[in-house]
Amino acid sequence: MYPVKRSSQRLDLRELSIEDVDAVFAIYGSDEATEHLSFEPRSRTQVGDIVARSIATATATPRAEYALAVIERETAELIGFGRIATDPHQQRGATFGFALRPDAWGVGYGLETVRLLLGLAFEELGLHRVWGARSPLNEASARTMTAAGMTPEGVIREHIQKAGKWRDSVVHSMLDHEWDAREMAPQEA
């Protein structure tokens, strides 16, 4: 599926462009924004390579990765990055992740981003199961995924090595029928 374009009340998801490198670097190069992610802050060159690879793989058939820009509609600024990656070893399954610029935290953009990604996964890609992993210390991400209707499943022990230390990951997931049931229920802001 190319190009991806989804919108919520305040955000758009769209394909990345090479002009997005600096805006993605503001996230992936930030100590604060990457504190709970699975990697150390990236250099601008590394971010350029990530964006270029994402653009190149966006038109692959079949498409296995959806690396997308999160755009604040009011300002037209890239404030985040979202990703869905299908898993060839998991029937109709995928992992997902998201990251926002620190100045976009605390106003509900994370929840909107997760809902946009899950909507893409279930409504357009026809996936059955989507899961994401978070740092055990990232309580904001825990609240966001729970508010989106995802279920905490458990802990993957010593899943990520960061700064020379092993770290656990907490898994949250959603199934297609849970998404469908959530879509029929009244939504909270």
N, C-alpha and C. Protein backbone atom coordinates (compact mmCIF):
# COMPACT_ATOMS: atom_id res chain seq x y z
N MET A 1 0.84 -1.17 0.00
CA MET A 1 0.00 0.00 0.00
C MET A 1 0.90 1.24 0.00
N TYR A 2 0.76 2.05 -0.99
CA TYR A 2 1.54 3.28 -1.11
C TYR A 2 0.73 4.27 -1.93
N PRO A 3 0.66 5.51 -1.58
CA PRO A 3 1.17 6.09 -0.34
C PRO A 3 0.16 5.97 0.79
N VAL A 4 0.67 5.99 2.02
CA VAL A 4 -0.18 5.99 3.20
C VAL A 4 -0.53 7.43 3.54
N LYS A 5 -1.81 7.65 3.84
CA LYS A 5 -2.28 8.96 4.31
C LYS A 5 -3.46 8.70 5.22
N ARG A 6 -3.29 9.00 6.49
CA ARG A 6 -4.37 8.86 7.48
C ARG A 6 -4.39 10.12 8.32
N SER A 7 -5.56 10.48 8.79
CA SER A 7 -5.70 11.71 9.58
C SER A 7 -6.56 11.47 10.80
N SER A 8 -6.25 12.23 11.85
CA SER A 8 -7.09 12.31 13.04
C SER A 8 -7.47 13.77 13.19
N GLN A 9 -8.04 14.11 14.31
CA GLN A 9 -8.46 15.49 14.53
C GLN A 9 -7.30 16.47 14.42
N ARG A 10 -6.13 16.10 14.97
CA ARG A 10 -5.01 17.05 15.01
C ARG A 10 -3.77 16.60 14.25
N LEU A 11 -3.76 15.35 13.78
CA LEU A 11 -2.55 14.80 13.19
C LEU A 11 -2.81 14.17 11.83
N ASP A 12 -1.76 14.12 11.03
CA ASP A 12 -1.74 13.37 9.78
C ASP A 12 -0.59 12.37 9.85
N LEU A 13 -0.79 11.20 9.28
CA LEU A 13 0.29 10.26 9.00
C LEU A 13 0.53 10.33 7.51
N ARG A 14 1.80 10.43 7.12
CA ARG A 14 2.12 10.44 5.70
C ARG A 14 3.47 9.78 5.48
N GLU A 15 3.75 9.50 4.24
CA GLU A 15 5.04 8.93 3.87
C GLU A 15 6.14 9.94 4.18
N LEU A 16 7.31 9.42 4.47
CA LEU A 16 8.48 10.27 4.70
C LEU A 16 8.99 10.80 3.37
N SER A 17 9.63 11.97 3.43
CA SER A 17 10.34 12.51 2.27
C SER A 17 11.75 12.88 2.73
N ILE A 18 12.65 13.05 1.78
CA ILE A 18 14.03 13.37 2.13
C ILE A 18 14.12 14.71 2.86
N GLU A 19 13.15 15.57 2.66
CA GLU A 19 13.12 16.86 3.37
C GLU A 19 12.83 16.70 4.86
N ASP A 20 12.47 15.51 5.30
CA ASP A 20 12.13 15.24 6.70
C ASP A 20 13.33 14.90 7.58
N VAL A 21 14.51 14.80 7.00
CA VAL A 21 15.67 14.33 7.76
C VAL A 21 15.91 15.18 9.01
N ASP A 22 15.93 16.50 8.90
CA ASP A 22 16.20 17.33 10.07
C ASP A 22 15.12 17.19 11.14
N ALA A 23 13.88 17.09 10.72
CA ALA A 23 12.78 16.94 11.68
C ALA A 23 12.84 15.58 12.38
N VAL A 24 13.19 14.53 11.66
CA VAL A 24 13.34 13.21 12.29
C VAL A 24 14.57 13.23 13.21
N PHE A 25 15.62 13.91 12.78
CA PHE A 25 16.82 14.03 13.62
C PHE A 25 16.50 14.73 14.94
N ALA A 26 15.56 15.67 14.95
CA ALA A 26 15.15 16.34 16.19
C ALA A 26 14.57 15.34 17.20
N ILE A 27 14.11 14.19 16.71
CA ILE A 27 13.60 13.13 17.58
C ILE A 27 14.69 12.09 17.83
N TYR A 28 15.20 11.48 16.77
CA TYR A 28 16.14 10.38 16.88
C TYR A 28 17.54 10.82 17.32
N GLY A 29 17.83 12.10 17.26
CA GLY A 29 19.11 12.60 17.73
C GLY A 29 19.06 13.13 19.15
N SER A 30 17.88 13.14 19.74
CA SER A 30 17.65 13.73 21.06
C SER A 30 17.84 12.71 22.18
N ASP A 31 18.66 13.06 23.16
CA ASP A 31 18.82 12.20 24.34
C ASP A 31 17.48 11.99 25.04
N GLU A 32 16.72 13.07 25.18
CA GLU A 32 15.44 13.00 25.88
C GLU A 32 14.44 12.12 25.13
N ALA A 33 14.33 12.31 23.82
CA ALA A 33 13.35 11.56 23.03
C ALA A 33 13.70 10.08 22.92
N THR A 34 14.98 9.75 22.97
CA THR A 34 15.40 8.35 22.82
C THR A 34 15.67 7.65 24.15
N GLU A 35 15.44 8.35 25.26
CA GLU A 35 15.75 7.78 26.57
C GLU A 35 15.16 6.39 26.75
N HIS A 36 13.92 6.19 26.35
CA HIS A 36 13.25 4.90 26.56
C HIS A 36 13.17 4.06 25.29
N LEU A 37 13.73 4.54 24.19
CA LEU A 37 13.71 3.77 22.95
C LEU A 37 14.79 2.68 23.00
N SER A 38 14.83 1.85 21.99
CA SER A 38 15.74 0.70 22.01
C SER A 38 17.13 1.03 21.48
N PHE A 39 17.42 2.29 21.21
CA PHE A 39 18.71 2.67 20.64
C PHE A 39 19.18 3.99 21.23
N GLU A 40 20.48 4.21 21.09
CA GLU A 40 21.10 5.47 21.51
C GLU A 40 20.73 6.56 20.50
N PRO A 41 20.88 7.83 20.87
CA PRO A 41 20.62 8.89 19.89
C PRO A 41 21.43 8.66 18.61
N ARG A 42 20.80 8.91 17.49
CA ARG A 42 21.42 8.72 16.18
C ARG A 42 22.08 10.02 15.71
N SER A 43 23.08 9.87 14.87
CA SER A 43 23.70 11.03 14.23
C SER A 43 22.80 11.49 13.07
N ARG A 44 23.05 12.69 12.59
CA ARG A 44 22.26 13.17 11.46
C ARG A 44 22.48 12.28 10.24
N THR A 45 23.69 11.79 10.04
CA THR A 45 23.97 10.89 8.92
C THR A 45 23.17 9.60 9.06
N GLN A 46 23.13 9.04 10.27
CA GLN A 46 22.36 7.81 10.50
C GLN A 46 20.88 8.06 10.23
N VAL A 47 20.36 9.20 10.68
CA VAL A 47 18.96 9.52 10.45
C VAL A 47 18.70 9.68 8.95
N GLY A 48 19.62 10.32 8.25
CA GLY A 48 19.49 10.44 6.80
C GLY A 48 19.41 9.08 6.12
N ASP A 49 20.22 8.14 6.59
CA ASP A 49 20.20 6.78 6.05
C ASP A 49 18.88 6.09 6.36
N ILE A 50 18.36 6.27 7.57
CA ILE A 50 17.08 5.67 7.96
C ILE A 50 15.95 6.20 7.07
N VAL A 51 15.91 7.51 6.90
CA VAL A 51 14.86 8.12 6.08
C VAL A 51 15.00 7.65 4.63
N ALA A 52 16.21 7.64 4.09
CA ALA A 52 16.42 7.20 2.71
C ALA A 52 15.99 5.74 2.52
N ARG A 53 16.35 4.88 3.48
CA ARG A 53 15.95 3.46 3.40
C ARG A 53 14.44 3.33 3.48
N SER A 54 13.82 4.12 4.36
CA SER A 54 12.36 4.07 4.50
C SER A 54 11.66 4.50 3.22
N ILE A 55 12.19 5.52 2.57
CA ILE A 55 11.62 5.98 1.30
C ILE A 55 11.78 4.90 0.23
N ALA A 56 12.95 4.29 0.18
CA ALA A 56 13.23 3.26 -0.83
C ALA A 56 12.36 2.02 -0.65
N THR A 57 12.09 1.63 0.59
CA THR A 57 11.32 0.40 0.83
C THR A 57 9.81 0.65 0.81
N ALA A 58 9.39 1.91 0.76
CA ALA A 58 7.96 2.23 0.80
C ALA A 58 7.20 1.70 -0.40
N THR A 59 7.88 1.55 -1.51
CA THR A 59 7.20 1.07 -2.72
C THR A 59 7.48 -0.40 -3.02
N ALA A 60 8.09 -1.10 -2.08
CA ALA A 60 8.37 -2.52 -2.26
C ALA A 60 7.08 -3.32 -2.33
N THR A 61 7.11 -4.41 -3.06
CA THR A 61 5.96 -5.31 -3.13
C THR A 61 6.43 -6.71 -2.79
N PRO A 62 5.92 -7.32 -1.74
CA PRO A 62 5.01 -6.74 -0.77
C PRO A 62 5.75 -5.78 0.15
N ARG A 63 5.03 -4.82 0.66
CA ARG A 63 5.62 -3.85 1.56
C ARG A 63 5.64 -4.43 2.96
N ALA A 64 6.82 -4.43 3.59
CA ALA A 64 6.97 -5.03 4.92
C ALA A 64 7.13 -3.99 6.02
N GLU A 65 7.42 -2.74 5.64
CA GLU A 65 7.63 -1.70 6.65
C GLU A 65 6.92 -0.42 6.25
N TYR A 66 6.29 0.18 7.21
CA TYR A 66 5.61 1.46 7.03
C TYR A 66 6.23 2.42 8.03
N ALA A 67 7.20 3.19 7.57
CA ALA A 67 7.86 4.21 8.39
C ALA A 67 7.25 5.54 7.98
N LEU A 68 6.55 6.19 8.89
CA LEU A 68 5.69 7.30 8.54
C LEU A 68 5.95 8.54 9.39
N ALA A 69 5.76 9.68 8.78
CA ALA A 69 5.87 10.96 9.48
C ALA A 69 4.56 11.25 10.19
N VAL A 70 4.66 11.76 11.41
CA VAL A 70 3.50 12.23 12.17
C VAL A 70 3.53 13.75 12.08
N ILE A 71 2.50 14.32 11.48
CA ILE A 71 2.45 15.75 11.20
C ILE A 71 1.36 16.41 12.03
N GLU A 72 1.72 17.49 12.70
CA GLU A 72 0.73 18.31 13.40
C GLU A 72 0.00 19.13 12.34
N ARG A 73 -1.29 18.93 12.23
CA ARG A 73 -2.06 19.56 11.15
C ARG A 73 -2.04 21.09 11.23
N GLU A 74 -2.14 21.64 12.42
CA GLU A 74 -2.23 23.09 12.57
C GLU A 74 -0.97 23.80 12.08
N THR A 75 0.20 23.21 12.34
CA THR A 75 1.46 23.85 11.97
C THR A 75 2.12 23.23 10.74
N ALA A 76 1.63 22.06 10.31
CA ALA A 76 2.22 21.29 9.21
C ALA A 76 3.64 20.83 9.53
N GLU A 77 4.00 20.76 10.82
CA GLU A 77 5.34 20.33 11.24
C GLU A 77 5.36 18.84 11.55
N LEU A 78 6.49 18.20 11.21
CA LEU A 78 6.72 16.82 11.60
C LEU A 78 7.06 16.82 13.09
N ILE A 79 6.22 16.17 13.88
CA ILE A 79 6.44 16.12 15.33
C ILE A 79 6.73 14.70 15.82
N GLY A 80 6.64 13.72 14.90
CA GLY A 80 6.83 12.35 15.33
C GLY A 80 7.11 11.41 14.19
N PHE A 81 7.37 10.18 14.57
CA PHE A 81 7.73 9.11 13.65
C PHE A 81 6.98 7.87 14.11
N GLY A 82 6.29 7.21 13.20
CA GLY A 82 5.59 5.97 13.53
C GLY A 82 6.02 4.87 12.59
N ARG A 83 5.97 3.64 13.06
CA ARG A 83 6.45 2.52 12.25
C ARG A 83 5.63 1.28 12.52
N ILE A 84 5.27 0.60 11.45
CA ILE A 84 4.67 -0.73 11.51
C ILE A 84 5.56 -1.63 10.65
N ALA A 85 5.95 -2.77 11.20
CA ALA A 85 6.77 -3.71 10.44
C ALA A 85 6.12 -5.08 10.52
N THR A 86 5.71 -5.61 9.36
CA THR A 86 5.11 -6.93 9.36
C THR A 86 6.18 -7.97 9.64
N ASP A 87 5.74 -9.10 10.14
CA ASP A 87 6.65 -10.17 10.54
C ASP A 87 6.37 -11.40 9.69
N PRO A 88 7.33 -11.84 8.87
CA PRO A 88 7.08 -13.00 8.02
C PRO A 88 6.88 -14.30 8.81
N HIS A 89 7.23 -14.29 10.08
CA HIS A 89 7.06 -15.48 10.91
C HIS A 89 5.78 -15.44 11.74
N GLN A 90 4.98 -14.42 11.54
CA GLN A 90 3.76 -14.21 12.31
C GLN A 90 2.63 -13.96 11.32
N GLN A 91 1.70 -14.87 11.20
CA GLN A 91 0.62 -14.69 10.24
C GLN A 91 -0.17 -13.42 10.55
N ARG A 92 -0.22 -12.52 9.58
CA ARG A 92 -0.97 -11.26 9.71
C ARG A 92 -0.62 -10.52 11.00
N GLY A 93 0.66 -10.54 11.37
CA GLY A 93 1.12 -9.87 12.57
C GLY A 93 2.19 -8.85 12.26
N ALA A 94 2.35 -7.90 13.18
CA ALA A 94 3.35 -6.86 13.00
C ALA A 94 3.73 -6.27 14.35
N THR A 95 4.91 -5.66 14.36
CA THR A 95 5.32 -4.83 15.49
C THR A 95 5.07 -3.38 15.12
N PHE A 96 4.97 -2.54 16.13
CA PHE A 96 4.82 -1.12 15.86
C PHE A 96 5.58 -0.32 16.90
N GLY A 97 5.85 0.90 16.56
CA GLY A 97 6.51 1.80 17.50
C GLY A 97 6.25 3.24 17.08
N PHE A 98 6.54 4.14 18.00
CA PHE A 98 6.34 5.56 17.72
C PHE A 98 7.24 6.37 18.62
N ALA A 99 7.56 7.56 18.17
CA ALA A 99 8.35 8.50 18.97
C ALA A 99 7.93 9.91 18.58
N LEU A 100 7.84 10.76 19.58
CA LEU A 100 7.47 12.16 19.35
C LEU A 100 8.56 13.08 19.85
N ARG A 101 8.62 14.27 19.26
CA ARG A 101 9.51 15.31 19.77
C ARG A 101 9.10 15.63 21.20
N PRO A 102 10.05 15.83 22.09
CA PRO A 102 9.70 16.11 23.49
C PRO A 102 8.76 17.31 23.66
N ASP A 103 8.86 18.33 22.82
CA ASP A 103 7.96 19.47 22.99
C ASP A 103 6.52 19.16 22.56
N ALA A 104 6.29 17.96 22.01
CA ALA A 104 4.94 17.54 21.64
C ALA A 104 4.35 16.55 22.64
N TRP A 105 5.06 16.30 23.73
CA TRP A 105 4.59 15.37 24.75
C TRP A 105 3.53 16.03 25.63
N GLY A 106 2.66 15.19 26.20
CA GLY A 106 1.75 15.63 27.25
C GLY A 106 0.46 16.26 26.77
N VAL A 107 0.18 16.23 25.46
CA VAL A 107 -1.06 16.84 24.96
C VAL A 107 -1.93 15.85 24.19
N GLY A 108 -1.64 14.56 24.32
CA GLY A 108 -2.45 13.54 23.69
C GLY A 108 -2.04 13.13 22.29
N TYR A 109 -0.93 13.68 21.78
CA TYR A 109 -0.49 13.30 20.44
C TYR A 109 -0.03 11.85 20.37
N GLY A 110 0.51 11.32 21.46
CA GLY A 110 0.92 9.93 21.48
C GLY A 110 -0.28 9.01 21.27
N LEU A 111 -1.37 9.28 21.98
CA LEU A 111 -2.58 8.47 21.84
C LEU A 111 -3.13 8.58 20.42
N GLU A 112 -3.18 9.78 19.87
CA GLU A 112 -3.64 9.94 18.48
C GLU A 112 -2.75 9.19 17.52
N THR A 113 -1.44 9.23 17.73
CA THR A 113 -0.50 8.53 16.86
C THR A 113 -0.72 7.02 16.93
N VAL A 114 -0.86 6.48 18.13
CA VAL A 114 -1.09 5.03 18.28
C VAL A 114 -2.40 4.64 17.60
N ARG A 115 -3.44 5.42 17.78
CA ARG A 115 -4.72 5.10 17.13
C ARG A 115 -4.61 5.16 15.61
N LEU A 116 -3.86 6.13 15.09
CA LEU A 116 -3.67 6.21 13.64
C LEU A 116 -2.92 4.98 13.13
N LEU A 117 -1.87 4.56 13.84
CA LEU A 117 -1.10 3.39 13.44
C LEU A 117 -1.93 2.11 13.53
N LEU A 118 -2.69 1.96 14.61
CA LEU A 118 -3.53 0.77 14.75
C LEU A 118 -4.63 0.75 13.69
N GLY A 119 -5.20 1.91 13.38
CA GLY A 119 -6.20 1.98 12.32
C GLY A 119 -5.63 1.55 10.98
N LEU A 120 -4.43 2.01 10.68
CA LEU A 120 -3.76 1.59 9.45
C LEU A 120 -3.56 0.07 9.46
N ALA A 121 -3.07 -0.45 10.57
CA ALA A 121 -2.77 -1.87 10.68
C ALA A 121 -4.00 -2.75 10.48
N PHE A 122 -5.09 -2.41 11.14
CA PHE A 122 -6.26 -3.27 11.11
C PHE A 122 -7.22 -2.95 9.97
N GLU A 123 -7.44 -1.68 9.69
CA GLU A 123 -8.43 -1.30 8.68
C GLU A 123 -7.89 -1.36 7.26
N GLU A 124 -6.63 -1.02 7.07
CA GLU A 124 -6.10 -0.97 5.71
C GLU A 124 -5.16 -2.13 5.39
N LEU A 125 -4.40 -2.59 6.35
CA LEU A 125 -3.45 -3.67 6.08
C LEU A 125 -4.03 -5.05 6.38
N GLY A 126 -5.17 -5.09 7.06
CA GLY A 126 -5.82 -6.36 7.36
C GLY A 126 -5.05 -7.25 8.31
N LEU A 127 -4.31 -6.64 9.24
CA LEU A 127 -3.53 -7.43 10.19
C LEU A 127 -4.43 -8.02 11.27
N HIS A 128 -3.95 -9.09 11.89
CA HIS A 128 -4.68 -9.74 12.98
C HIS A 128 -4.16 -9.31 14.35
N ARG A 129 -2.82 -9.15 14.46
CA ARG A 129 -2.21 -8.86 15.76
C ARG A 129 -1.10 -7.83 15.56
N VAL A 130 -1.11 -6.82 16.42
CA VAL A 130 -0.05 -5.80 16.42
C VAL A 130 0.46 -5.69 17.84
N TRP A 131 1.78 -5.67 17.97
CA TRP A 131 2.35 -5.53 19.31
C TRP A 131 3.50 -4.54 19.28
N GLY A 132 3.70 -3.93 20.44
CA GLY A 132 4.81 -3.01 20.64
C GLY A 132 5.44 -3.27 21.99
N ALA A 133 6.72 -2.94 22.10
CA ALA A 133 7.46 -3.13 23.34
C ALA A 133 7.92 -1.77 23.84
N ARG A 134 7.93 -1.62 25.15
CA ARG A 134 8.36 -0.37 25.77
C ARG A 134 9.29 -0.64 26.93
N SER A 135 10.04 0.38 27.29
CA SER A 135 10.88 0.30 28.48
C SER A 135 9.97 0.19 29.70
N PRO A 136 10.34 -0.62 30.68
CA PRO A 136 9.54 -0.70 31.91
C PRO A 136 9.42 0.65 32.63
N LEU A 137 10.36 1.54 32.40
CA LEU A 137 10.32 2.86 33.06
C LEU A 137 9.48 3.88 32.31
N ASN A 138 9.03 3.55 31.11
CA ASN A 138 8.28 4.51 30.30
C ASN A 138 6.79 4.42 30.62
N GLU A 139 6.42 5.06 31.71
CA GLU A 139 5.03 5.03 32.17
C GLU A 139 4.11 5.79 31.22
N ALA A 140 4.61 6.84 30.57
CA ALA A 140 3.78 7.59 29.61
C ALA A 140 3.38 6.68 28.45
N SER A 141 4.30 5.89 27.95
CA SER A 141 3.99 4.97 26.86
C SER A 141 3.01 3.89 27.34
N ALA A 142 3.17 3.43 28.57
CA ALA A 142 2.24 2.45 29.13
C ALA A 142 0.83 3.02 29.16
N ARG A 143 0.69 4.25 29.65
CA ARG A 143 -0.63 4.89 29.70
C ARG A 143 -1.20 5.08 28.30
N THR A 144 -0.36 5.47 27.36
CA THR A 144 -0.81 5.72 26.00
C THR A 144 -1.33 4.44 25.34
N MET A 145 -0.55 3.37 25.41
CA MET A 145 -0.97 2.12 24.77
C MET A 145 -2.21 1.54 25.44
N THR A 146 -2.30 1.67 26.77
CA THR A 146 -3.48 1.19 27.48
C THR A 146 -4.70 2.01 27.09
N ALA A 147 -4.55 3.32 27.02
CA ALA A 147 -5.68 4.18 26.63
C ALA A 147 -6.14 3.89 25.21
N ALA A 148 -5.24 3.43 24.35
CA ALA A 148 -5.60 3.07 22.97
C ALA A 148 -6.29 1.70 22.91
N GLY A 149 -6.36 1.00 24.03
CA GLY A 149 -7.03 -0.29 24.08
C GLY A 149 -6.11 -1.49 23.96
N MET A 150 -4.80 -1.25 23.99
CA MET A 150 -3.85 -2.36 23.91
C MET A 150 -3.76 -3.06 25.27
N THR A 151 -3.44 -4.33 25.24
CA THR A 151 -3.36 -5.15 26.44
C THR A 151 -1.89 -5.41 26.80
N PRO A 152 -1.49 -5.11 28.05
CA PRO A 152 -0.14 -5.50 28.46
C PRO A 152 -0.08 -7.03 28.54
N GLU A 153 0.92 -7.62 27.89
CA GLU A 153 1.01 -9.08 27.83
C GLU A 153 2.05 -9.65 28.77
N GLY A 154 3.10 -8.90 29.02
CA GLY A 154 4.16 -9.45 29.86
C GLY A 154 5.49 -8.81 29.53
N VAL A 155 6.52 -9.42 30.05
CA VAL A 155 7.87 -8.86 29.96
C VAL A 155 8.76 -9.79 29.13
N ILE A 156 9.51 -9.19 28.22
CA ILE A 156 10.59 -9.90 27.54
C ILE A 156 11.85 -9.54 28.33
N ARG A 157 12.42 -10.53 28.99
CA ARG A 157 13.56 -10.28 29.87
C ARG A 157 14.82 -9.97 29.07
N GLU A 158 15.56 -8.98 29.54
CA GLU A 158 16.83 -8.57 28.93
C GLU A 158 16.75 -8.58 27.41
N HIS A 159 15.78 -7.86 26.92
CA HIS A 159 15.44 -7.80 25.49
C HIS A 159 16.30 -6.82 24.71
N ILE A 160 16.69 -5.72 25.33
CA ILE A 160 17.40 -4.63 24.65
C ILE A 160 18.71 -4.35 25.38
N GLN A 161 19.78 -4.20 24.62
CA GLN A 161 21.04 -3.75 25.21
C GLN A 161 21.25 -2.30 24.82
N LYS A 162 21.34 -1.46 25.84
CA LYS A 162 21.49 -0.03 25.63
C LYS A 162 22.45 0.51 26.67
N ALA A 163 23.36 1.34 26.23
CA ALA A 163 24.37 1.92 27.12
C ALA A 163 25.14 0.83 27.87
N GLY A 164 25.36 -0.29 27.20
CA GLY A 164 26.14 -1.38 27.79
C GLY A 164 25.41 -2.22 28.80
N LYS A 165 24.08 -2.00 28.97
CA LYS A 165 23.31 -2.77 29.95
C LYS A 165 22.10 -3.39 29.27
N TRP A 166 21.72 -4.56 29.76
CA TRP A 166 20.51 -5.21 29.27
C TRP A 166 19.29 -4.62 29.96
N ARG A 167 18.23 -4.49 29.19
CA ARG A 167 16.99 -3.92 29.70
C ARG A 167 15.82 -4.79 29.27
N ASP A 168 14.87 -4.97 30.16
CA ASP A 168 13.65 -5.69 29.82
C ASP A 168 12.77 -4.82 28.92
N SER A 169 11.79 -5.44 28.29
CA SER A 169 10.76 -4.73 27.53
C SER A 169 9.40 -5.25 27.97
N VAL A 170 8.43 -4.35 28.07
CA VAL A 170 7.06 -4.72 28.39
C VAL A 170 6.27 -4.71 27.08
N VAL A 171 5.60 -5.81 26.79
CA VAL A 171 4.86 -5.96 25.54
C VAL A 171 3.40 -5.58 25.75
N HIS A 172 2.87 -4.81 24.80
CA HIS A 172 1.44 -4.48 24.72
C HIS A 172 0.97 -4.91 23.33
N SER A 173 -0.25 -5.44 23.25
CA SER A 173 -0.73 -5.87 21.94
C SER A 173 -2.22 -5.57 21.79
N MET A 174 -2.65 -5.67 20.53
CA MET A 174 -4.07 -5.57 20.21
C MET A 174 -4.35 -6.54 19.08
N LEU A 175 -5.55 -7.12 19.10
CA LEU A 175 -6.02 -8.02 18.06
C LEU A 175 -7.07 -7.31 17.23
N ASP A 176 -7.25 -7.78 16.01
CA ASP A 176 -8.18 -7.11 15.10
C ASP A 176 -9.61 -7.03 15.67
N HIS A 177 -10.09 -8.10 16.30
CA HIS A 177 -11.45 -8.05 16.83
C HIS A 177 -11.55 -7.11 18.03
N GLU A 178 -10.46 -6.91 18.75
CA GLU A 178 -10.46 -5.91 19.84
C GLU A 178 -10.54 -4.51 19.26
N TRP A 179 -9.82 -4.28 18.16
CA TRP A 179 -9.90 -2.98 17.48
C TRP A 179 -11.33 -2.73 16.99
N ASP A 180 -11.93 -3.74 16.37
CA ASP A 180 -13.29 -3.58 15.87
C ASP A 180 -14.27 -3.28 17.00
N ALA A 181 -14.13 -3.96 18.13
CA ALA A 181 -15.01 -3.73 19.27
C ALA A 181 -14.78 -2.34 19.85
N ARG A 182 -13.54 -1.90 19.87
CA ARG A 182 -13.22 -0.57 20.39
C ARG A 182 -13.81 0.51 19.49
N GLU A 183 -13.77 0.28 18.19
CA GLU A 183 -14.29 1.26 17.24
C GLU A 183 -15.81 1.44 17.39
N MET A 184 -16.49 0.40 17.87
CA MET A 184 -17.93 0.50 18.05
C MET A 184 -18.28 1.14 19.39
N ALA A 185 -17.35 1.13 20.33
CA ALA A 185 -17.60 1.71 21.66
C ALA A 185 -17.35 3.21 21.60
N PRO A 186 -17.98 3.98 22.49
CA PRO A 186 -17.71 5.42 22.54
C PRO A 186 -16.24 5.68 22.88
N GLN A 187 -15.64 6.66 22.25
CA GLN A 187 -14.23 6.99 22.46
C GLN A 187 -14.07 8.12 23.47
N GLU A 188 -12.99 8.01 24.27
CA GLU A 188 -12.62 9.09 25.17
C GLU A 188 -11.65 10.00 24.45
N ALA A 189 -11.63 11.24 24.84
CA ALA A 189 -10.69 12.21 24.23
C ALA A 189 -9.29 11.98 24.69
